[in-house]
Amino acid sequence: MRDAGPGKALIPPTARWGLVIAAMCAGSDIAVSVHRLPPDPLVASVVLGFALLTLAAIPPAWREVVWARNTVVSAQALTAATGVPAFVLPAVPPLDVIISAARLVVALVVAALLLTTHPIT
């Protein structure tokens, strides 16, 4: 393990993976939101806002700032929650249901990776 220097703690590997996965999800959320902005501006704008919030909170979370880590987890959970209506609304394409389910699972994985190293304080 390398020396973190004076006053700096090393972020645990599981938290690093959680932040990398959250950044990739936020990037894909931005791409999908920009693509879907014209037909459905409300949901796409909400998802875009949560993605930008996630990307803004990742650098301080990497430095183990607790509020930033909790912000990443919360933003990812709320982004995944925007896909829940796909499970109950009629005439939703099966591909959208699968994507929503996968997004929920990834949000749970991110939460597990970030919150198992240090619980919410």
Protein backbone atom coordinates (compact mmCIF):
# COMPACT_ATOMS: atom_id res chain seq x y z
CA MET A 1 0.00 0.00 0.00
CA ARG A 2 1.33 3.43 -0.84
CA ASP A 3 1.72 6.20 1.68
CA ALA A 4 -1.17 8.64 1.60
CA GLY A 5 0.87 11.47 2.99
CA PRO A 6 0.27 13.54 6.09
CA GLY A 7 -3.37 14.05 6.96
CA LYS A 8 -4.72 12.09 4.02
CA ALA A 9 -6.44 8.73 4.28
CA LEU A 10 -6.53 6.18 1.52
CA ILE A 11 -9.98 5.50 0.17
CA PRO A 12 -10.83 1.80 0.48
CA PRO A 13 -10.81 -0.18 -2.80
CA THR A 14 -14.49 -1.04 -2.51
CA ALA A 15 -15.38 2.64 -2.23
CA ARG A 16 -13.18 3.40 -5.24
CA TRP A 17 -15.08 0.86 -7.29
CA GLY A 18 -18.38 2.30 -6.09
CA LEU A 19 -17.37 5.79 -7.16
CA VAL A 20 -16.11 4.61 -10.54
CA ILE A 21 -19.36 2.74 -11.21
CA ALA A 22 -21.36 5.80 -10.06
CA ALA A 23 -19.37 8.01 -12.45
CA MET A 24 -20.01 5.63 -15.35
CA CYS A 25 -23.72 5.52 -14.51
CA ALA A 26 -23.87 9.31 -14.30
CA GLY A 27 -22.16 9.59 -17.69
CA SER A 28 -24.62 7.21 -19.29
CA ASP A 29 -27.52 9.01 -17.57
CA ILE A 30 -26.33 12.28 -19.10
CA ALA A 31 -26.11 10.74 -22.56
CA VAL A 32 -29.57 9.18 -22.32
CA SER A 33 -31.12 12.31 -20.80
CA VAL A 34 -29.77 14.59 -23.51
CA HIS A 35 -31.07 12.15 -26.11
CA ARG A 36 -34.54 12.04 -24.49
CA LEU A 37 -34.89 15.74 -23.61
CA PRO A 38 -37.13 16.77 -26.53
CA PRO A 39 -39.94 14.19 -26.12
CA ASP A 40 -40.00 13.98 -22.30
CA PRO A 41 -38.35 17.05 -20.75
CA LEU A 42 -39.44 16.61 -17.11
CA VAL A 43 -38.07 13.14 -16.34
CA ALA A 44 -35.00 13.66 -18.52
CA SER A 45 -34.25 16.94 -16.73
CA VAL A 46 -34.56 15.30 -13.30
CA VAL A 47 -32.24 12.45 -14.31
CA LEU A 48 -29.81 14.94 -15.85
CA GLY A 49 -29.79 16.96 -12.63
CA PHE A 50 -29.10 13.89 -10.49
CA ALA A 51 -26.32 12.82 -12.86
CA LEU A 52 -24.65 16.22 -12.64
CA LEU A 53 -25.05 16.16 -8.86
CA THR A 54 -23.38 12.74 -8.78
CA LEU A 55 -20.46 13.94 -10.91
CA ALA A 56 -20.04 17.04 -8.75
CA ALA A 57 -19.97 14.98 -5.53
CA ILE A 58 -17.52 12.31 -6.72
CA PRO A 59 -14.25 14.31 -6.27
CA PRO A 60 -14.94 15.17 -2.61
CA ALA A 61 -16.26 11.64 -2.02
CA TRP A 62 -12.95 10.33 -3.37
CA ARG A 63 -11.27 12.34 -0.61
CA GLU A 64 -13.59 10.56 1.87
CA VAL A 65 -15.86 13.50 2.61
CA VAL A 66 -18.91 11.90 4.21
CA TRP A 67 -21.59 14.26 2.89
CA ALA A 68 -20.29 13.80 -0.66
CA ARG A 69 -20.38 10.01 -0.38
CA ASN A 70 -23.93 10.17 0.96
CA THR A 71 -24.87 12.55 -1.87
CA VAL A 72 -23.55 10.10 -4.48
CA VAL A 73 -25.54 7.25 -2.94
CA SER A 74 -28.70 9.34 -2.67
CA ALA A 75 -28.48 10.73 -6.19
CA GLN A 76 -27.90 7.26 -7.63
CA ALA A 77 -30.85 5.86 -5.67
CA LEU A 78 -33.16 8.67 -6.80
CA THR A 79 -32.04 8.27 -10.41
CA ALA A 80 -32.81 4.56 -10.24
CA ALA A 81 -36.19 5.33 -8.66
CA THR A 82 -37.21 7.28 -11.76
CA GLY A 83 -37.37 3.95 -13.59
CA VAL A 84 -39.81 2.30 -11.16
CA PRO A 85 -42.93 3.33 -13.15
CA ALA A 86 -41.73 1.08 -15.97
CA PHE A 87 -42.74 -1.89 -13.81
CA VAL A 88 -46.36 -0.80 -13.32
CA LEU A 89 -47.35 1.27 -16.34
CA PRO A 90 -49.05 -0.52 -19.24
CA ALA A 91 -47.47 -0.71 -22.68
CA VAL A 92 -43.88 -0.17 -21.55
CA PRO A 93 -41.48 -1.88 -23.95
CA PRO A 94 -39.77 -4.92 -22.41
CA LEU A 95 -36.33 -3.44 -23.12
CA ASP A 96 -37.17 -0.40 -20.97
CA VAL A 97 -38.28 -2.67 -18.12
CA ILE A 98 -35.00 -4.61 -18.34
CA ILE A 99 -32.98 -1.37 -18.39
CA SER A 100 -34.88 -0.03 -15.37
CA ALA A 101 -34.29 -3.27 -13.47
CA ALA A 102 -30.58 -3.20 -14.31
CA ARG A 103 -30.33 0.43 -13.21
CA LEU A 104 -31.94 -0.44 -9.87
CA VAL A 105 -29.47 -3.28 -9.35
CA VAL A 106 -26.50 -1.04 -10.20
CA ALA A 107 -27.73 1.62 -7.76
CA LEU A 108 -27.91 -1.04 -5.05
CA VAL A 109 -24.38 -2.19 -5.89
CA VAL A 110 -23.07 1.39 -5.70
CA ALA A 111 -24.79 1.88 -2.34
CA ALA A 112 -23.41 -1.38 -1.01
CA LEU A 113 -19.87 -0.58 -2.13
CA LEU A 114 -19.91 2.93 -0.70
CA LEU A 115 -21.78 2.29 2.52
CA THR A 116 -20.18 -0.97 3.66
CA THR A 117 -16.77 0.66 4.12
CA HIS A 118 -18.13 3.38 6.39
CA PRO A 119 -21.82 3.45 7.36
CA ILE A 120 -23.86 6.63 7.06
CA THR A 121 -22.91 9.01 9.85
